[in-house]
């Protein structure tokens, strides 16, 4: 096996590991969002989260670890869609945002 083939194989393995780690972390994000919506008494829509950002940050011990932010949507009344987010550092949930929906806008004629 040549050096180029070995390098390509290692790169392929690294990409596979990165993808699997992302899938596992995403599932933790879904569970956290579902639990937060249940706690707040709102409906978790679509039963999924979508990736908003990824970056490397330092944890409390000073080691580099991936930080991922996922967005999800929930409904307060059943007729609205409000965005929330969940931030994970490694596999640990560090922040969940389930904010209040914007106030309705009334127009006067």
PDB file of N, CA and C in Angstrom:
ATOM      1  N   UNK A   1       0.860  -1.168   0.000  1.00  0.00           N
ATOM      2  CA  UNK A   1       0.000   0.000   0.000  1.00  0.00           C
ATOM      3  C   UNK A   1       0.907   1.231   0.000  1.00  0.00           C
ATOM      4  N   UNK A   2       0.652   2.158  -0.894  1.00  0.00           N
ATOM      5  CA  UNK A   2       1.476   3.359  -0.998  1.00  0.00           C
ATOM      6  C   UNK A   2       1.074   4.373   0.071  1.00  0.00           C
ATOM      7  N   UNK A   3       1.900   5.363   0.248  1.00  0.00           N
ATOM      8  CA  UNK A   3       1.632   6.405   1.229  1.00  0.00           C
ATOM      9  C   UNK A   3       0.353   7.164   0.878  1.00  0.00           C
ATOM     10  N   UNK A   4       0.142   7.439  -0.410  1.00  0.00           N
ATOM     11  CA  UNK A   4      -1.056   8.172  -0.838  1.00  0.00           C
ATOM     12  C   UNK A   4      -2.323   7.371  -0.542  1.00  0.00           C
ATOM     13  N   UNK A   5      -2.285   6.069  -0.768  1.00  0.00           N
ATOM     14  CA  UNK A   5      -3.445   5.231  -0.469  1.00  0.00           C
ATOM     15  C   UNK A   5      -3.712   5.186   1.031  1.00  0.00           C
ATOM     16  N   UNK A   6      -2.659   5.082   1.824  1.00  0.00           N
ATOM     17  CA  UNK A   6      -2.795   5.064   3.274  1.00  0.00           C
ATOM     18  C   UNK A   6      -3.361   6.386   3.779  1.00  0.00           C
ATOM     19  N   UNK A   7      -2.890   7.478   3.234  1.00  0.00           N
ATOM     20  CA  UNK A   7      -3.389   8.795   3.602  1.00  0.00           C
ATOM     21  C   UNK A   7      -4.865   8.936   3.227  1.00  0.00           C
ATOM     22  N   UNK A   8      -5.235   8.482   2.040  1.00  0.00           N
ATOM     23  CA  UNK A   8      -6.632   8.543   1.602  1.00  0.00           C
ATOM     24  C   UNK A   8      -7.526   7.692   2.503  1.00  0.00           C
ATOM     25  N   UNK A   9      -7.054   6.521   2.893  1.00  0.00           N
ATOM     26  CA  UNK A   9      -7.819   5.655   3.790  1.00  0.00           C
ATOM     27  C   UNK A   9      -7.999   6.293   5.164  1.00  0.00           C
ATOM     28  N   UNK A  10      -6.940   6.913   5.663  1.00  0.00           N
ATOM     29  CA  UNK A  10      -7.039   7.592   6.962  1.00  0.00           C
ATOM     30  C   UNK A  10      -8.008   8.770   6.895  1.00  0.00           C
ATOM     31  N   UNK A  11      -7.974   9.508   5.803  1.00  0.00           N
ATOM     32  CA  UNK A  11      -8.890  10.636   5.620  1.00  0.00           C
ATOM     33  C   UNK A  11     -10.331  10.148   5.532  1.00  0.00           C
ATOM     34  N   UNK A  12     -10.556   9.054   4.836  1.00  0.00           N
ATOM     35  CA  UNK A  12     -11.891   8.473   4.734  1.00  0.00           C
ATOM     36  C   UNK A  12     -12.403   8.026   6.105  1.00  0.00           C
ATOM     37  N   UNK A  13     -11.536   7.400   6.881  1.00  0.00           N
ATOM     38  CA  UNK A  13     -11.919   6.973   8.238  1.00  0.00           C
ATOM     39  C   UNK A  13     -12.231   8.171   9.124  1.00  0.00           C
ATOM     40  N   UNK A  14     -11.448   9.233   9.006  1.00  0.00           N
ATOM     41  CA  UNK A  14     -11.678  10.444   9.788  1.00  0.00           C
ATOM     42  C   UNK A  14     -13.014  11.085   9.427  1.00  0.00           C
ATOM     43  N   UNK A  15     -13.329  11.131   8.149  1.00  0.00           N
ATOM     44  CA  UNK A  15     -14.618  11.684   7.708  1.00  0.00           C
ATOM     45  C   UNK A  15     -15.782  10.833   8.224  1.00  0.00           C
ATOM     46  N   UNK A  16     -15.633   9.520   8.184  1.00  0.00           N
ATOM     47  CA  UNK A  16     -16.674   8.628   8.708  1.00  0.00           C
ATOM     48  C   UNK A  16     -16.881   8.814  10.191  1.00  0.00           C
ATOM     49  N   UNK A  17     -15.794   8.949  10.950  1.00  0.00           N
ATOM     50  CA  UNK A  17     -15.901   9.171  12.387  1.00  0.00           C
ATOM     51  C   UNK A  17     -16.595  10.502  12.662  1.00  0.00           C
ATOM     52  N   UNK A  18     -16.205  11.562  11.916  1.00  0.00           N
ATOM     53  CA  UNK A  18     -16.804  12.884  12.100  1.00  0.00           C
ATOM     54  C   UNK A  18     -18.306  12.838  11.825  1.00  0.00           C
ATOM     55  N   UNK A  19     -18.706  12.131  10.783  1.00  0.00           N
ATOM     56  CA  UNK A  19     -20.120  12.024  10.438  1.00  0.00           C
ATOM     57  C   UNK A  19     -20.888  11.277  11.531  1.00  0.00           C
ATOM     58  N   UNK A  20     -20.359  10.137  11.983  1.00  0.00           N
ATOM     59  CA  UNK A  20     -21.037   9.374  13.046  1.00  0.00           C
ATOM     60  C   UNK A  20     -21.133  10.157  14.342  1.00  0.00           C
ATOM     61  N   UNK A  21     -20.086  10.887  14.688  1.00  0.00           N
ATOM     62  CA  UNK A  21     -20.108  11.714  15.892  1.00  0.00           C
ATOM     63  C   UNK A  21     -21.186  12.791  15.774  1.00  0.00           C
ATOM     64  N   UNK A  22     -21.327  13.366  14.590  1.00  0.00           N
ATOM     65  CA  UNK A  22     -22.360  14.370  14.361  1.00  0.00           C
ATOM     66  C   UNK A  22     -23.764  13.800  14.479  1.00  0.00           C
ATOM     67  N   UNK A  23     -23.956  12.583  13.988  1.00  0.00           N
ATOM     68  CA  UNK A  23     -25.274  11.938  14.080  1.00  0.00           C
ATOM     69  C   UNK A  23     -25.631  11.688  15.547  1.00  0.00           C
ATOM     70  N   UNK A  24     -24.669  11.194  16.321  1.00  0.00           N
ATOM     71  CA  UNK A  24     -24.920  10.946  17.749  1.00  0.00           C
ATOM     72  C   UNK A  24     -25.214  12.249  18.488  1.00  0.00           C
ATOM     73  N   UNK A  25     -24.449  13.281  18.199  1.00  0.00           N
ATOM     74  CA  UNK A  25     -24.640  14.570  18.864  1.00  0.00           C
ATOM     75  C   UNK A  25     -25.979  15.179  18.475  1.00  0.00           C
ATOM     76  N   UNK A  26     -26.359  15.046  17.227  1.00  0.00           N
ATOM     77  CA  UNK A  26     -27.656  15.558  16.769  1.00  0.00           C
ATOM     78  C   UNK A  26     -28.795  14.887  17.526  1.00  0.00           C
ATOM     79  N   UNK A  27     -28.694  13.588  17.765  1.00  0.00           N
ATOM     80  CA  UNK A  27     -29.740  12.876  18.503  1.00  0.00           C
ATOM     81  C   UNK A  27     -29.831  13.379  19.946  1.00  0.00           C
ATOM     82  N   UNK A  28     -28.706  13.707  20.547  1.00  0.00           N
ATOM     83  CA  UNK A  28     -28.726  14.302  21.889  1.00  0.00           C
ATOM     84  C   UNK A  28     -29.433  15.652  21.834  1.00  0.00           C
ATOM     85  N   UNK A  29     -29.201  16.426  20.769  1.00  0.00           N
ATOM     86  CA  UNK A  29     -29.876  17.710  20.585  1.00  0.00           C
ATOM     87  C   UNK A  29     -31.377  17.556  20.442  1.00  0.00           C
ATOM     88  N   UNK A  30     -31.811  16.538  19.699  1.00  0.00           N
ATOM     89  CA  UNK A  30     -33.252  16.272  19.543  1.00  0.00           C
ATOM     90  C   UNK A  30     -33.874  15.942  20.894  1.00  0.00           C
ATOM     91  N   UNK A  31     -33.226  15.093  21.670  1.00  0.00           N
ATOM     92  CA  UNK A  31     -33.752  14.721  22.986  1.00  0.00           C
ATOM     93  C   UNK A  31     -33.818  15.927  23.918  1.00  0.00           C
ATOM     94  N   UNK A  32     -32.793  16.782  23.892  1.00  0.00           N
ATOM     95  CA  UNK A  32     -32.780  17.975  24.740  1.00  0.00           C
ATOM     96  C   UNK A  32     -33.885  18.949  24.338  1.00  0.00           C
ATOM     97  N   UNK A  33     -34.071  19.150  23.027  1.00  0.00           N
ATOM     98  CA  UNK A  33     -35.122  20.052  22.548  1.00  0.00           C
ATOM     99  C   UNK A  33     -36.503  19.516  22.912  1.00  0.00           C
ATOM    100  N   UNK A  34     -36.702  18.222  22.759  1.00  0.00           N
ATOM    101  CA  UNK A  34     -37.980  17.601  23.098  1.00  0.00           C
ATOM    102  C   UNK A  34     -38.285  17.783  24.593  1.00  0.00           C
ATOM    103  N   UNK A  35     -37.287  17.546  25.436  1.00  0.00           N
ATOM    104  CA  UNK A  35     -37.477  17.684  26.884  1.00  0.00           C
ATOM    105  C   UNK A  35     -37.753  19.138  27.271  1.00  0.00           C
ATOM    106  N   UNK A  36     -37.051  20.086  26.635  1.00  0.00           N
ATOM    107  CA  UNK A  36     -37.262  21.504  26.937  1.00  0.00           C
ATOM    108  C   UNK A  36     -38.670  21.938  26.533  1.00  0.00           C
ATOM    109  N   UNK A  37     -39.137  21.483  25.384  1.00  0.00           N
ATOM    110  CA  UNK A  37     -40.486  21.830  24.939  1.00  0.00           C
ATOM    111  C   UNK A  37     -41.533  21.232  25.876  1.00  0.00           C
ATOM    112  N   UNK A  38     -41.307  20.008  26.320  1.00  0.00           N
ATOM    113  CA  UNK A  38     -42.235  19.367  27.263  1.00  0.00           C
ATOM    114  C   UNK A  38     -42.279  20.165  28.572  1.00  0.00           C
ATOM    115  N   UNK A  39     -41.101  20.582  29.059  1.00  0.00           N
ATOM    116  CA  UNK A  39     -41.012  21.359  30.299  1.00  0.00           C
ATOM    117  C   UNK A  39     -41.742  22.695  30.185  1.00  0.00           C
ATOM    118  N   UNK A  40     -41.625  23.331  29.026  1.00  0.00           N
ATOM    119  CA  UNK A  40     -42.244  24.643  28.819  1.00  0.00           C
ATOM    120  C   UNK A  40     -43.715  24.552  28.414  1.00  0.00           C
ATOM    121  N   UNK A  41     -44.195  23.353  28.133  1.00  0.00           N
ATOM    122  CA  UNK A  41     -45.591  23.184  27.751  1.00  0.00           C
ATOM    123  C   UNK A  41     -45.897  23.632  26.337  1.00  0.00           C
ATOM    124  N   UNK A  42     -44.918  23.518  25.446  1.00  0.00           N
ATOM    125  CA  UNK A  42     -45.126  23.876  24.037  1.00  0.00           C
ATOM    126  C   UNK A  42     -44.942  22.631  23.185  1.00  0.00           C
ATOM    127  N   UNK A  43     -45.389  22.706  21.934  1.00  0.00           N
ATOM    128  CA  UNK A  43     -45.333  21.558  21.034  1.00  0.00           C
ATOM    129  C   UNK A  43     -44.046  21.596  20.206  1.00  0.00           C
ATOM    130  N   UNK A  44     -43.251  20.534  20.300  1.00  0.00           N
ATOM    131  CA  UNK A  44     -42.018  20.387  19.531  1.00  0.00           C
ATOM    132  C   UNK A  44     -42.410  19.978  18.115  1.00  0.00           C
ATOM    133  N   UNK A  45     -42.156  20.854  17.142  1.00  0.00           N
ATOM    134  CA  UNK A  45     -42.591  20.611  15.768  1.00  0.00           C
ATOM    135  C   UNK A  45     -41.562  19.822  14.981  1.00  0.00           C
ATOM    136  N   UNK A  46     -42.013  18.983  14.101  1.00  0.00           N
ATOM    137  CA  UNK A  46     -41.210  18.218  13.152  1.00  0.00           C
ATOM    138  C   UNK A  46     -40.293  17.178  13.792  1.00  0.00           C
ATOM    139  N   UNK A  47     -40.223  17.140  15.120  1.00  0.00           N
ATOM    140  CA  UNK A  47     -39.403  16.148  15.831  1.00  0.00           C
ATOM    141  C   UNK A  47     -37.972  16.090  15.306  1.00  0.00           C
ATOM    142  N   UNK A  48     -37.409  17.256  14.974  1.00  0.00           N
ATOM    143  CA  UNK A  48     -36.051  17.282  14.441  1.00  0.00           C
ATOM    144  C   UNK A  48     -35.361  18.593  14.771  1.00  0.00           C
ATOM    145  N   UNK A  49     -34.054  18.609  14.609  1.00  0.00           N
ATOM    146  CA  UNK A  49     -33.254  19.818  14.742  1.00  0.00           C
ATOM    147  C   UNK A  49     -32.421  19.968  13.470  1.00  0.00           C
ATOM    148  N   UNK A  50     -32.003  21.199  13.177  1.00  0.00           N
ATOM    149  CA  UNK A  50     -31.138  21.429  12.022  1.00  0.00           C
ATOM    150  C   UNK A  50     -29.888  22.161  12.482  1.00  0.00           C
ATOM    151  N   UNK A  51     -28.788  21.826  11.864  1.00  0.00           N
ATOM    152  CA  UNK A  51     -27.501  22.390  12.260  1.00  0.00           C
ATOM    153  C   UNK A  51     -27.418  23.861  11.883  1.00  0.00           C
ATOM    154  N   UNK A  52     -27.007  24.686  12.845  1.00  0.00           N
ATOM    155  CA  UNK A  52     -26.825  26.107  12.580  1.00  0.00           C
ATOM    156  C   UNK A  52     -25.349  26.480  12.541  1.00  0.00           C
ATOM    157  N   UNK A  53     -24.558  25.907  13.458  1.00  0.00           N
ATOM    158  CA  UNK A  53     -23.138  26.241  13.443  1.00  0.00           C
ATOM    159  C   UNK A  53     -22.299  25.128  14.057  1.00  0.00           C
ATOM    160  N   UNK A  54     -21.023  25.139  13.686  1.00  0.00           N
ATOM    161  CA  UNK A  54     -20.045  24.197  14.218  1.00  0.00           C
ATOM    162  C   UNK A  54     -18.738  24.944  14.348  1.00  0.00           C
ATOM    163  N   UNK A  55     -18.095  24.802  15.502  1.00  0.00           N
ATOM    164  CA  UNK A  55     -16.770  25.374  15.674  1.00  0.00           C
ATOM    165  C   UNK A  55     -16.049  24.651  16.800  1.00  0.00           C
ATOM    166  N   UNK A  56     -14.748  24.800  16.808  1.00  0.00           N
ATOM    167  CA  UNK A  56     -13.941  24.219  17.869  1.00  0.00           C
ATOM    168  C   UNK A  56     -13.736  25.262  18.958  1.00  0.00           C
ATOM    169  N   UNK A  57     -13.996  24.867  20.210  1.00  0.00           N
ATOM    170  CA  UNK A  57     -13.833  25.754  21.359  1.00  0.00           C
ATOM    171  C   UNK A  57     -13.076  25.002  22.447  1.00  0.00           C
ATOM    172  N   UNK A  58     -12.653  25.701  23.450  1.00  0.00           N
ATOM    173  CA  UNK A  58     -11.984  25.080  24.585  1.00  0.00           C
ATOM    174  C   UNK A  58     -13.005  24.811  25.686  1.00  0.00           C
ATOM    175  N   UNK A  59     -12.915  23.622  26.288  1.00  0.00           N
ATOM    176  CA  UNK A  59     -13.808  23.295  27.395  1.00  0.00           C
ATOM    177  C   UNK A  59     -13.218  23.832  28.700  1.00  0.00           C
ATOM    178  N   UNK A  60     -13.835  23.476  29.833  1.00  0.00           N
ATOM    179  CA  UNK A  60     -13.393  23.965  31.134  1.00  0.00           C
ATOM    180  C   UNK A  60     -11.965  23.530  31.470  1.00  0.00           C
ATOM    181  N   UNK A  61     -11.530  22.415  30.909  1.00  0.00           N
ATOM    182  CA  UNK A  61     -10.178  21.913  31.156  1.00  0.00           C
ATOM    183  C   UNK A  61      -9.155  22.449  30.153  1.00  0.00           C
ATOM    184  N   UNK A  62      -9.595  23.287  29.224  1.00  0.00           N
ATOM    185  CA  UNK A  62      -8.686  23.872  28.245  1.00  0.00           C
ATOM    186  C   UNK A  62      -8.449  23.027  27.005  1.00  0.00           C
ATOM    187  N   UNK A  63      -9.172  21.921  26.867  1.00  0.00           N
ATOM    188  CA  UNK A  63      -9.008  21.057  25.687  1.00  0.00           C
ATOM    189  C   UNK A  63      -9.953  21.500  24.571  1.00  0.00           C
ATOM    190  N   UNK A  64      -9.503  21.345  23.333  1.00  0.00           N
ATOM    191  CA  UNK A  64     -10.363  21.657  22.190  1.00  0.00           C
ATOM    192  C   UNK A  64     -11.467  20.616  22.069  1.00  0.00           C
ATOM    193  N   UNK A  65     -12.681  21.092  21.844  1.00  0.00           N
ATOM    194  CA  UNK A  65     -13.791  20.173  21.603  1.00  0.00           C
ATOM    195  C   UNK A  65     -14.771  20.845  20.647  1.00  0.00           C
ATOM    196  N   UNK A  66     -15.569  20.051  19.942  1.00  0.00           N
ATOM    197  CA  UNK A  66     -16.528  20.637  18.996  1.00  0.00           C
ATOM    198  C   UNK A  66     -17.717  21.250  19.733  1.00  0.00           C
ATOM    199  N   UNK A  67     -18.138  22.401  19.256  1.00  0.00           N
ATOM    200  CA  UNK A  67     -19.360  23.025  19.765  1.00  0.00           C
ATOM    201  C   UNK A  67     -20.332  23.128  18.603  1.00  0.00           C
ATOM    202  N   UNK A  68     -21.494  22.544  18.784  1.00  0.00           N
ATOM    203  CA  UNK A  68     -22.515  22.544  17.740  1.00  0.00           C
ATOM    204  C   UNK A  68     -23.758  23.260  18.247  1.00  0.00           C
ATOM    205  N   UNK A  69     -24.372  24.041  17.369  1.00  0.00           N
ATOM    206  CA  UNK A  69     -25.632  24.695  17.690  1.00  0.00           C
ATOM    207  C   UNK A  69     -26.667  24.192  16.694  1.00  0.00           C
ATOM    208  N   UNK A  70     -27.782  23.724  17.228  1.00  0.00           N
ATOM    209  CA  UNK A  70     -28.879  23.228  16.412  1.00  0.00           C
ATOM    210  C   UNK A  70     -30.102  24.097  16.636  1.00  0.00           C
ATOM    211  N   UNK A  71     -30.887  24.309  15.588  1.00  0.00           N
ATOM    212  CA  UNK A  71     -32.158  25.029  15.688  1.00  0.00           C
ATOM    213  C   UNK A  71     -33.303  24.046  15.587  1.00  0.00           C
ATOM    214  N   UNK A  72     -34.416  24.404  16.208  1.00  0.00           N
ATOM    215  CA  UNK A  72     -35.636  23.620  16.099  1.00  0.00           C
ATOM    216  C   UNK A  72     -36.808  24.588  16.150  1.00  0.00           C
ATOM    217  N   UNK A  73     -37.964  24.083  15.821  1.00  0.00           N
ATOM    218  CA  UNK A  73     -39.160  24.910  15.864  1.00  0.00           C
ATOM    219  C   UNK A  73     -40.167  24.310  16.818  1.00  0.00           C
ATOM    220  N   UNK A  74     -40.909  25.192  17.486  1.00  0.00           N
ATOM    221  CA  UNK A  74     -41.961  24.755  18.387  1.00  0.00           C
ATOM    222  C   UNK A  74     -43.152  25.682  18.223  1.00  0.00           C
ATOM    223  N   UNK A  75     -44.279  25.262  18.764  1.00  0.00           N
ATOM    224  CA  UNK A  75     -45.508  26.031  18.647  1.00  0.00           C
ATOM    225  C   UNK A  75     -46.117  26.221  20.026  1.00  0.00           C
ATOM    226  N   UNK A  76     -46.568  27.435  20.282  1.00  0.00           N
ATOM    227  CA  UNK A  76     -47.228  27.734  21.552  1.00  0.00           C
ATOM    228  C   UNK A  76     -48.722  27.481  21.435  1.00  0.00           C
ATOM    229  N   UNK A  77     -49.321  27.946  20.335  1.00  0.00           N
ATOM    230  CA  UNK A  77     -50.771  27.858  20.181  1.00  0.00           C
ATOM    231  C   UNK A  77     -51.216  26.797  19.190  1.00  0.00           C
ATOM    232  N   UNK A  78     -50.297  26.248  18.415  1.00  0.00           N
ATOM    233  CA  UNK A  78     -50.663  25.314  17.363  1.00  0.00           C
ATOM    234  C   UNK A  78     -50.809  25.999  16.019  1.00  0.00           C
ATOM    235  N   UNK A  79     -50.855  27.337  16.023  1.00  0.00           N
ATOM    236  CA  UNK A  79     -50.986  28.108  14.785  1.00  0.00           C
ATOM    237  C   UNK A  79     -49.749  28.939  14.483  1.00  0.00           C
ATOM    238  N   UNK A  80     -48.698  28.738  15.237  1.00  0.00           N
ATOM    239  CA  UNK A  80     -47.491  29.532  15.044  1.00  0.00           C
ATOM    240  C   UNK A  80     -46.263  28.631  15.017  1.00  0.00           C
ATOM    241  N   UNK A  81     -45.166  29.176  14.540  1.00  0.00           N
ATOM    242  CA  UNK A  81     -43.876  28.470  14.531  1.00  0.00           C
ATOM    243  C   UNK A  81     -42.841  29.422  15.109  1.00  0.00           C
ATOM    244  N   UNK A  82     -42.196  28.976  16.170  1.00  0.00           N
ATOM    245  CA  UNK A  82     -41.189  29.796  16.844  1.00  0.00           C
ATOM    246  C   UNK A  82     -39.884  29.010  16.855  1.00  0.00           C
ATOM    247  N   UNK A  83     -38.770  29.712  16.630  1.00  0.00           N
ATOM    248  CA  UNK A  83     -37.463  29.055  16.618  1.00  0.00           C
ATOM    249  C   UNK A  83     -36.874  28.996  18.020  1.00  0.00           C
ATOM    250  N   UNK A  84     -36.265  27.854  18.299  1.00  0.00           N
ATOM    251  CA  UNK A  84     -35.487  27.673  19.504  1.00  0.00           C
ATOM    252  C   UNK A  84     -34.136  27.136  19.106  1.00  0.00           C
ATOM    253  N   UNK A  85     -33.235  27.017  20.064  1.00  0.00           N
ATOM    254  CA  UNK A  85     -31.918  26.474  19.749  1.00  0.00           C
ATOM    255  C   UNK A  85     -31.365  25.692  20.931  1.00  0.00           C
ATOM    256  N   UNK A  86     -30.456  24.787  20.614  1.00  0.00           N
ATOM    257  CA  UNK A  86     -29.764  24.000  21.627  1.00  0.00           C
ATOM    258  C   UNK A  86     -28.281  23.980  21.264  1.00  0.00           C
ATOM    259  N   UNK A  87     -27.428  24.267  22.263  1.00  0.00           N
ATOM    260  CA  UNK A  87     -25.979  24.283  22.052  1.00  0.00           C
ATOM    261  C   UNK A  87     -25.356  23.121  22.808  1.00  0.00           C
ATOM    262  N   UNK A  88     -24.510  22.362  22.103  1.00  0.00           N
ATOM    263  CA  UNK A  88     -23.802  21.245  22.720  1.00  0.00           C
ATOM    264  C   UNK A  88     -22.303  21.464  22.594  1.00  0.00           C
ATOM    265  N   UNK A  89     -21.610  21.241  23.678  1.00  0.00           N
ATOM    266  CA  UNK A  89     -20.142  21.270  23.669  1.00  0.00           C
ATOM    267  C   UNK A  89     -19.696  19.841  23.901  1.00  0.00           C
ATOM    268  N   UNK A  90     -19.154  19.232  22.868  1.00  0.00           N
ATOM    269  CA  UNK A  90     -18.897  17.799  22.923  1.00  0.00           C
ATOM    270  C   UNK A  90     -20.245  17.092  22.891  1.00  0.00           C
ATOM    271  N   UNK A  91     -20.521  16.284  23.886  1.00  0.00           N
ATOM    272  CA  UNK A  91     -21.820  15.611  23.994  1.00  0.00           C
ATOM    273  C   UNK A  91     -22.679  16.218  25.105  1.00  0.00           C
ATOM    274  N   UNK A  92     -22.227  17.326  25.684  1.00  0.00           N
ATOM    275  CA  UNK A  92     -22.909  17.956  26.813  1.00  0.00           C
ATOM    276  C   UNK A  92     -23.749  19.142  26.349  1.00  0.00           C
ATOM    277  N   UNK A  93     -25.001  19.174  26.765  1.00  0.00           N
ATOM    278  CA  UNK A  93     -25.879  20.302  26.461  1.00  0.00           C
ATOM    279  C   UNK A  93     -25.487  21.450  27.382  1.00  0.00           C
ATOM    280  N   UNK A  94     -25.109  22.586  26.797  1.00  0.00           N
ATOM    281  CA  UNK A  94     -24.689  23.728  27.605  1.00  0.00           C
ATOM    282  C   UNK A  94     -25.707  24.869  27.580  1.00  0.00           C
ATOM    283  N   UNK A  95     -26.630  24.879  26.610  1.00  0.00           N
ATOM    284  CA  UNK A  95     -27.638  25.920  26.565  1.00  0.00           C
ATOM    285  C   UNK A  95     -28.823  25.468  25.716  1.00  0.00           C
ATOM    286  N   UNK A  96     -30.008  25.766  26.205  1.00  0.00           N
ATOM    287  CA  UNK A  96     -31.231  25.544  25.424  1.00  0.00           C
ATOM    288  C   UNK A  96     -32.018  26.837  25.458  1.00  0.00           C
ATOM    289  N   UNK A  97     -32.456  27.281  24.303  1.00  0.00           N
ATOM    290  CA  UNK A  97     -33.245  28.504  24.213  1.00  0.00           C
ATOM    291  C   UNK A  97     -34.629  28.176  23.682  1.00  0.00           C
ATOM    292  N   UNK A  98     -35.596  28.329  24.548  1.00  0.00           N
ATOM    293  CA  UNK A  98     -36.994  28.207  24.152  1.00  0.00           C
ATOM    294  C   UNK A  98     -37.616  29.528  24.573  1.00  0.00           C
ATOM    295  N   UNK A  99     -37.470  30.532  23.705  1.00  0.00           N
ATOM    296  CA  UNK A  99     -37.933  31.875  24.032  1.00  0.00           C
ATOM    297  C   UNK A  99     -39.415  32.037  23.803  1.00  0.00           C
ATOM    298  N   UNK A 100     -39.898  33.153  24.234  1.00  0.00           N
ATOM    299  CA  UNK A 100     -41.304  33.470  24.031  1.00  0.00           C
ATOM    300  C   UNK A 100     -41.513  33.954  22.605  1.00  0.00           C
ATOM    301  N   UNK A 101     -42.644  33.625  22.019  1.00  0.00           N
ATOM    302  CA  UNK A 101     -42.918  34.081  20.651  1.00  0.00           C
ATOM    303  C   UNK A 101     -43.050  35.594  20.612  1.00  0.00           C
ATOM    304  N   UNK A 102     -42.789  36.189  19.461  1.00  0.00           N
ATOM    305  CA  UNK A 102     -42.946  37.639  19.355  1.00  0.00           C
ATOM    306  C   UNK A 102     -44.395  38.037  19.572  1.00  0.00           C
ATOM    307  N   UNK A 103     -44.562  39.228  20.099  1.00  0.00           N
ATOM    308  CA  UNK A 103     -45.916  39.727  20.352  1.00  0.00           C
ATOM    309  C   UNK A 103     -46.649  39.924  19.030  1.00  0.00           C
ATOM    310  N   UNK A 104     -47.955  39.636  19.022  1.00  0.00           N
ATOM    311  CA  UNK A 104     -48.699  39.819  17.766  1.00  0.00           C
ATOM    312  C   UNK A 104     -48.730  41.295  17.356  1.00  0.00           C
ATOM    313  N   UNK A 105     -48.717  41.523  16.071  1.00  0.00           N
ATOM    314  CA  UNK A 105     -48.764  42.866  15.534  1.00  0.00           C
ATOM    315  C   UNK A 105     -50.177  43.152  15.074  1.00  0.00           C
ATOM    316  N   UNK A 106     -50.725  44.219  15.597  1.00  0.00           N
ATOM    317  CA  UNK A 106     -52.090  44.604  15.229  1.00  0.00           C
ATOM    318  C   UNK A 106     -52.028  45.832  14.342  1.00  0.00           C
ATOM    319  N   UNK A 107     -52.827  45.858  13.307  1.00  0.00           N
ATOM    320  CA  UNK A 107     -52.909  47.019  12.436  1.00  0.00           C
ATOM    321  C   UNK A 107     -54.258  47.669  12.625  1.00  0.00           C
ATOM    322  N   UNK A 108     -54.244  48.957  12.716  1.00  0.00           N
ATOM    323  CA  UNK A 108     -55.484  49.728  12.855  1.00  0.00           C
ATOM    324  C   UNK A 108     -55.814  50.371  11.523  1.00  0.00           C
ATOM    325  N   UNK A 109     -57.058  50.359  11.186  1.00  0.00           N
ATOM    326  CA  UNK A 109     -57.481  50.955   9.908  1.00  0.00           C
ATOM    327  C   UNK A 109     -58.099  52.280  10.116  1.00  0.00           C
TER     328      UNK A 109
END
